[in-house]
Amino acid sequence: MKIIRWTVPIVIGVIAVSAFSGARMNSMSERYQRGDFPLADISTFETNDIKITLERYNSHPLLAEYKRFVTVERHNGESLRTEIGSDPGGGERVDVCETSDGNILFEDRFMSHILSGAGEVREISSASAFRINPDGSLDQLIKPDATPLCVRKLGRFDFGKDGAYGFQRNEGRI
């Protein structure tokens, strides 16, 4: 008798929570399908007379996946916003450094992007493609772009000591 007395309220509670969660998930799913991604966080730093902002938007209702945008704003008010590759791993570390030609390099474990002096952000391709010839030799069809050499580490977008994701200035570590 005691088991039945406690089982019924528990079952009713589970059904109510499931119904609420299902309705909430359906609403979130519709929002994501429309491309209405909620802002997860925003972080800004300044270097060489420009302000660089990284915005991350949740791109999945359950997983820690993010769409990422970089906005470059010059002190004269001009700004340029560019989508960079998505973050499929949740809080992907993005190293930021200055290259020998004065550009800014963003690099994570999946891809690299270069910020030119004009404020444009472009992906550095790491793709390679080969053709196998009948004699077994290889012809390279697509060559990866050369990644510029970093001369000065600026910092990284990563989790800080407080547990929040944002820009972490270089603390002498490479």
Protein backbone atom coordinates (compact mmCIF):
# COMPACT_ATOMS: atom_id res chain seq x y z
CA MET A 1 0.00 0.00 0.00
CA LYS A 2 2.83 2.42 0.86
CA ILE A 3 4.47 1.83 -2.54
CA ILE A 4 1.27 2.73 -4.41
CA ARG A 5 0.73 5.83 -2.25
CA TRP A 6 4.19 7.22 -3.23
CA THR A 7 4.31 5.90 -6.78
CA VAL A 8 1.26 7.81 -8.07
CA PRO A 9 2.55 11.31 -7.08
CA ILE A 10 6.00 10.50 -8.49
CA VAL A 11 4.51 9.34 -11.83
CA ILE A 12 2.30 12.45 -12.01
CA GLY A 13 5.35 14.63 -11.27
CA VAL A 14 7.44 12.94 -13.97
CA ILE A 15 4.63 13.38 -16.51
CA ALA A 16 4.26 17.08 -15.62
CA VAL A 17 8.02 17.74 -15.86
CA SER A 18 8.19 15.85 -19.17
CA ALA A 19 5.30 17.84 -20.64
CA PHE A 20 6.86 21.16 -19.52
CA SER A 21 10.30 20.16 -20.85
CA GLY A 22 8.85 18.96 -24.15
CA ALA A 23 6.99 22.25 -24.69
CA ARG A 24 10.11 24.25 -23.79
CA MET A 25 12.32 22.15 -26.13
CA ASN A 26 9.82 22.59 -28.96
CA SER A 27 9.84 26.35 -28.45
CA MET A 28 13.67 26.42 -28.36
CA SER A 29 13.88 24.22 -31.45
CA GLU A 30 11.62 26.57 -33.41
CA ARG A 31 13.75 29.53 -32.34
CA TYR A 32 16.96 27.82 -33.52
CA GLN A 33 15.35 26.82 -36.83
CA ARG A 34 14.55 30.51 -37.46
CA GLY A 35 18.23 31.33 -36.89
CA ASP A 36 17.45 33.26 -33.71
CA PHE A 37 20.46 32.21 -31.66
CA PRO A 38 20.73 33.61 -28.10
CA LEU A 39 23.91 35.50 -27.21
CA ALA A 40 26.08 33.36 -24.94
CA ASP A 41 28.85 35.86 -24.25
CA ILE A 42 30.77 38.79 -25.67
CA SER A 43 34.40 39.74 -25.08
CA THR A 44 36.45 42.71 -26.29
CA PHE A 45 40.09 43.76 -26.32
CA GLU A 46 42.06 46.58 -27.94
CA THR A 47 45.36 46.51 -29.78
CA ASN A 48 47.07 48.63 -32.44
CA ASP A 49 44.34 51.31 -32.44
CA ILE A 50 41.54 48.79 -33.10
CA LYS A 51 38.93 47.17 -30.88
CA ILE A 52 38.27 43.46 -31.50
CA THR A 53 35.10 41.82 -30.20
CA LEU A 54 34.26 38.12 -30.21
CA GLU A 55 30.56 37.26 -29.89
CA ARG A 56 29.42 33.69 -29.29
CA TYR A 57 25.82 32.63 -29.88
CA ASN A 58 24.35 29.31 -28.73
CA SER A 59 23.68 27.33 -31.90
CA HIS A 60 22.24 24.19 -30.32
CA PRO A 61 19.56 24.01 -27.62
CA LEU A 62 21.27 21.22 -25.67
CA LEU A 63 24.93 21.07 -26.66
CA ALA A 64 27.67 23.64 -26.06
CA GLU A 65 27.98 24.65 -29.72
CA TYR A 66 28.41 28.26 -30.74
CA LYS A 67 28.31 30.47 -33.81
CA ARG A 68 31.15 32.99 -33.57
CA PHE A 69 31.47 36.51 -34.95
CA VAL A 70 34.44 38.86 -34.86
CA THR A 71 33.82 42.61 -35.05
CA VAL A 72 36.73 44.91 -35.79
CA GLU A 73 36.17 48.54 -34.91
CA ARG A 74 38.63 51.30 -35.74
CA HIS A 75 38.93 54.41 -33.60
CA ASN A 76 37.43 56.44 -36.47
CA GLY A 77 34.17 54.51 -35.96
CA GLU A 78 34.41 52.18 -38.96
CA SER A 79 33.56 48.59 -38.10
CA LEU A 80 33.39 45.27 -39.90
CA ARG A 81 31.63 42.14 -38.55
CA THR A 82 32.60 38.70 -39.87
CA GLU A 83 31.38 35.22 -38.98
CA ILE A 84 34.24 32.88 -38.23
CA GLY A 85 34.02 29.11 -37.93
CA SER A 86 31.62 27.66 -35.40
CA ASP A 87 32.79 26.31 -32.07
CA PRO A 88 31.61 22.68 -31.94
CA GLY A 89 33.28 21.88 -28.63
CA GLY A 90 31.92 24.47 -26.24
CA GLY A 91 34.37 27.10 -25.13
CA GLU A 92 37.04 26.45 -27.70
CA ARG A 93 40.28 28.25 -26.91
CA VAL A 94 41.19 30.81 -29.59
CA ASP A 95 44.78 32.03 -29.47
CA VAL A 96 45.37 35.60 -30.68
CA CYS A 97 48.74 36.91 -31.83
CA GLU A 98 50.32 39.54 -34.03
CA THR A 99 52.11 38.32 -37.17
CA SER A 100 55.34 39.62 -38.65
CA ASP A 101 53.41 41.66 -41.22
CA GLY A 102 51.32 43.39 -38.52
CA ASN A 103 48.13 41.37 -39.02
CA ILE A 104 46.23 39.61 -36.21
CA LEU A 105 45.98 35.80 -36.25
CA PHE A 106 43.11 33.91 -34.55
CA GLU A 107 43.90 30.21 -34.20
CA ASP A 108 42.02 27.32 -32.61
CA ARG A 109 42.36 23.57 -32.98
CA PHE A 110 40.11 23.48 -36.05
CA MET A 111 40.98 26.55 -38.10
CA SER A 112 42.85 29.81 -38.34
CA HIS A 113 41.68 33.27 -39.39
CA ILE A 114 43.75 36.30 -40.28
CA LEU A 115 42.67 39.87 -39.61
CA SER A 116 44.23 42.17 -42.19
CA GLY A 117 45.18 45.78 -41.62
CA ALA A 118 42.04 46.74 -43.58
CA GLY A 119 39.88 45.05 -40.91
CA GLU A 120 38.88 42.06 -43.05
CA VAL A 121 38.87 38.59 -41.51
CA ARG A 122 39.51 35.60 -43.77
CA GLU A 123 39.94 31.90 -43.11
CA ILE A 124 43.33 30.33 -43.66
CA SER A 125 42.64 27.09 -45.51
CA SER A 126 44.17 23.92 -44.10
CA ALA A 127 42.68 21.69 -46.79
CA SER A 128 44.74 19.37 -48.94
CA ALA A 129 43.61 17.20 -51.83
CA PHE A 130 45.57 14.63 -53.81
CA ARG A 131 44.97 12.58 -56.93
CA ILE A 132 46.32 9.04 -57.07
CA ASN A 133 47.78 8.40 -60.51
CA PRO A 134 47.65 4.98 -62.21
CA ASP A 135 51.35 4.47 -61.46
CA GLY A 136 50.71 5.04 -57.74
CA SER A 137 52.24 8.52 -57.56
CA LEU A 138 50.37 11.47 -56.10
CA ASP A 139 49.55 14.89 -57.54
CA GLN A 140 48.60 17.58 -55.05
CA LEU A 141 45.47 19.35 -56.30
CA ILE A 142 44.84 21.68 -53.35
CA LYS A 143 47.58 23.05 -51.13
CA PRO A 144 46.91 24.49 -47.68
CA ASP A 145 47.59 28.18 -47.08
CA ALA A 146 50.74 28.99 -45.16
CA THR A 147 49.97 30.03 -41.59
CA PRO A 148 51.80 33.28 -40.79
CA LEU A 149 54.40 33.27 -38.04
CA CYS A 150 53.38 34.86 -34.74
CA VAL A 151 55.84 37.43 -33.40
CA ARG A 152 53.83 38.65 -30.39
CA LYS A 153 51.24 36.74 -28.36
CA LEU A 154 48.34 39.03 -27.45
CA GLY A 155 46.26 36.56 -25.45
CA ARG A 156 43.42 34.13 -26.01
CA PHE A 157 39.67 33.77 -25.83
CA ASP A 158 39.27 31.08 -23.20
CA PHE A 159 37.91 30.38 -19.73
CA GLY A 160 39.55 32.58 -17.10
CA LYS A 161 40.31 31.97 -13.44
CA ASP A 162 36.76 33.06 -12.58
CA GLY A 163 35.33 30.40 -14.89
CA ALA A 164 33.90 32.93 -17.36
CA TYR A 165 34.70 32.77 -21.07
CA GLY A 166 36.38 35.88 -22.43
CA PHE A 167 39.61 37.44 -23.60
CA GLN A 168 42.57 36.55 -21.38
CA ARG A 169 45.58 38.85 -21.87
CA ASN A 170 48.91 37.17 -22.41
CA GLU A 171 50.56 36.58 -19.03
CA GLY A 172 54.01 35.79 -20.38
CA ARG A 173 52.99 32.25 -21.39
CA ILE A 174 53.25 31.12 -24.98
